[in-house]
Amino acid sequence: MLDLDHIAITVKDLDESIAFYKMFGYELLERFSDDGYNWVTLRLNNHSLELFQLTSDKEKPIDHIAYNYDSDEEVLELMKRLGYKKEDLDIFFGDLNRESFFIEDNNGKSIQLIKK
């Protein structure tokens, strides 16, 4: 049902962090600039790591774990079991034009769910 898509963390210095994670074997795939952020996607085997550096004090850190799903029915049933209603989910299309939404775990940590 769910597969790990990526983990995203906010870093102080993007280039230093890229160099650090490359020592673990990560490969730089893409570099992006958005309003308030510079970010990259790194890959290690079948897993992605997104590193975000804030470029504006108006923005908040982007830290989350993202999972892919392919069945709307299954993910909506999971959301129901977690106490969410479909109308409560803020579904949007991100930079990669994939439908996704965020929820929080029991500790307030962000989880992104992305339709394959």
Protein backbone atom coordinates (compact mmCIF):
# COMPACT_ATOMS: atom_id res chain seq x y z
CA MET A 1 0.00 0.00 0.00
CA LEU A 2 2.52 2.65 1.09
CA ASP A 3 6.12 2.99 -0.08
CA LEU A 4 8.69 5.43 1.26
CA ASP A 5 9.08 8.30 -1.23
CA HIS A 6 11.50 10.62 0.56
CA ILE A 7 12.58 12.22 3.80
CA ALA A 8 12.87 16.02 3.86
CA ILE A 9 14.92 18.06 6.30
CA THR A 10 15.82 21.72 6.64
CA VAL A 11 19.56 22.45 6.79
CA LYS A 12 21.65 25.52 7.62
CA ASP A 13 24.05 25.29 4.65
CA LEU A 14 22.85 23.44 1.57
CA ASP A 15 26.25 22.89 -0.07
CA GLU A 16 27.88 21.66 3.16
CA SER A 17 24.96 19.28 3.69
CA ILE A 18 25.20 17.96 0.13
CA ALA A 19 28.90 17.23 0.69
CA PHE A 20 28.11 15.53 4.02
CA TYR A 21 25.44 13.21 2.62
CA LYS A 22 27.55 12.39 -0.44
CA MET A 23 30.00 10.79 2.01
CA PHE A 24 27.19 8.32 2.86
CA GLY A 25 26.88 7.49 -0.84
CA TYR A 26 24.04 9.85 -1.81
CA GLU A 27 24.01 11.17 -5.38
CA LEU A 28 22.77 14.67 -6.23
CA LEU A 29 19.77 14.39 -8.60
CA GLU A 30 18.22 17.85 -8.82
CA ARG A 31 18.60 21.37 -7.49
CA PHE A 32 15.64 23.76 -7.14
CA SER A 33 14.90 27.32 -6.04
CA ASP A 34 11.48 28.32 -4.74
CA ASP A 35 10.18 31.40 -2.99
CA GLY A 36 11.83 31.19 0.41
CA TYR A 37 13.82 27.98 -0.20
CA ASN A 38 16.71 26.45 -2.08
CA TRP A 39 16.53 22.68 -2.10
CA VAL A 40 17.97 19.53 -3.60
CA THR A 41 16.99 15.93 -4.07
CA LEU A 42 19.62 13.30 -3.25
CA ARG A 43 19.28 9.57 -3.88
CA LEU A 44 20.77 6.54 -2.13
CA ASN A 45 19.72 3.24 -3.71
CA ASN A 46 15.92 3.50 -3.93
CA HIS A 47 15.47 6.26 -1.34
CA SER A 48 15.44 10.03 -1.72
CA LEU A 49 16.50 12.71 0.72
CA GLU A 50 15.38 16.30 0.18
CA LEU A 51 17.44 19.05 1.79
CA PHE A 52 15.90 22.52 2.20
CA GLN A 53 17.73 25.74 3.03
CA LEU A 54 15.59 28.72 4.03
CA THR A 55 16.25 31.90 2.04
CA SER A 56 13.60 33.97 3.83
CA ASP A 57 12.75 34.50 7.49
CA LYS A 58 9.08 34.27 6.51
CA GLU A 59 9.34 30.58 5.74
CA LYS A 60 9.24 27.77 8.27
CA PRO A 61 11.39 24.64 8.26
CA ILE A 62 10.29 21.80 5.98
CA ASP A 63 10.78 18.53 7.82
CA HIS A 64 8.68 15.50 6.92
CA ILE A 65 8.56 11.89 5.81
CA ALA A 66 6.75 11.25 2.52
CA TYR A 67 5.06 8.05 1.37
CA ASN A 68 3.64 7.07 -2.02
CA TYR A 69 0.25 5.46 -2.40
CA ASP A 70 -1.57 4.12 -5.42
CA SER A 71 -5.05 3.38 -4.09
CA ASP A 72 -7.28 6.32 -3.13
CA GLU A 73 -9.64 3.94 -1.35
CA GLU A 74 -6.90 2.38 0.80
CA VAL A 75 -5.32 5.70 1.78
CA LEU A 76 -8.71 7.25 2.58
CA GLU A 77 -9.54 4.23 4.75
CA LEU A 78 -6.19 4.69 6.54
CA MET A 79 -6.94 8.41 7.03
CA LYS A 80 -10.36 7.51 8.46
CA ARG A 81 -8.72 5.11 10.95
CA LEU A 82 -6.34 7.93 11.92
CA GLY A 83 -9.26 10.28 12.57
CA TYR A 84 -9.15 12.37 9.36
CA LYS A 85 -12.08 13.12 7.07
CA LYS A 86 -11.52 13.52 3.33
CA GLU A 87 -12.79 17.11 3.49
CA ASP A 88 -10.12 17.87 6.14
CA LEU A 89 -7.28 16.87 3.79
CA ASP A 90 -5.72 19.81 1.95
CA ILE A 91 -4.95 17.99 -1.32
CA PHE A 92 -2.65 19.89 -3.69
CA PHE A 93 -0.39 19.34 -6.70
CA GLY A 94 3.27 20.00 -5.90
CA ASP A 95 6.24 21.02 -8.04
CA LEU A 96 6.38 17.56 -9.62
CA ASN A 97 2.65 17.72 -10.44
CA ARG A 98 1.75 14.87 -8.13
CA GLU A 99 -1.36 14.94 -5.97
CA SER A 100 -0.43 14.99 -2.28
CA PHE A 101 -1.44 16.11 1.18
CA PHE A 102 0.04 16.42 4.66
CA ILE A 103 -1.08 15.00 8.00
CA GLU A 104 0.61 14.93 11.39
CA ASP A 105 1.62 11.89 13.39
CA ASN A 106 0.82 11.50 17.08
CA ASN A 107 3.92 13.61 17.93
CA GLY A 108 3.04 16.49 15.61
CA LYS A 109 5.56 15.47 12.93
CA SER A 110 4.58 16.07 9.30
CA ILE A 111 3.84 13.18 7.00
CA GLN A 112 3.22 13.73 3.31
CA LEU A 113 1.18 11.25 1.27
CA ILE A 114 1.77 11.39 -2.50
CA LYS A 115 -0.28 9.64 -5.15
CA LYS A 116 1.92 7.57 -7.50
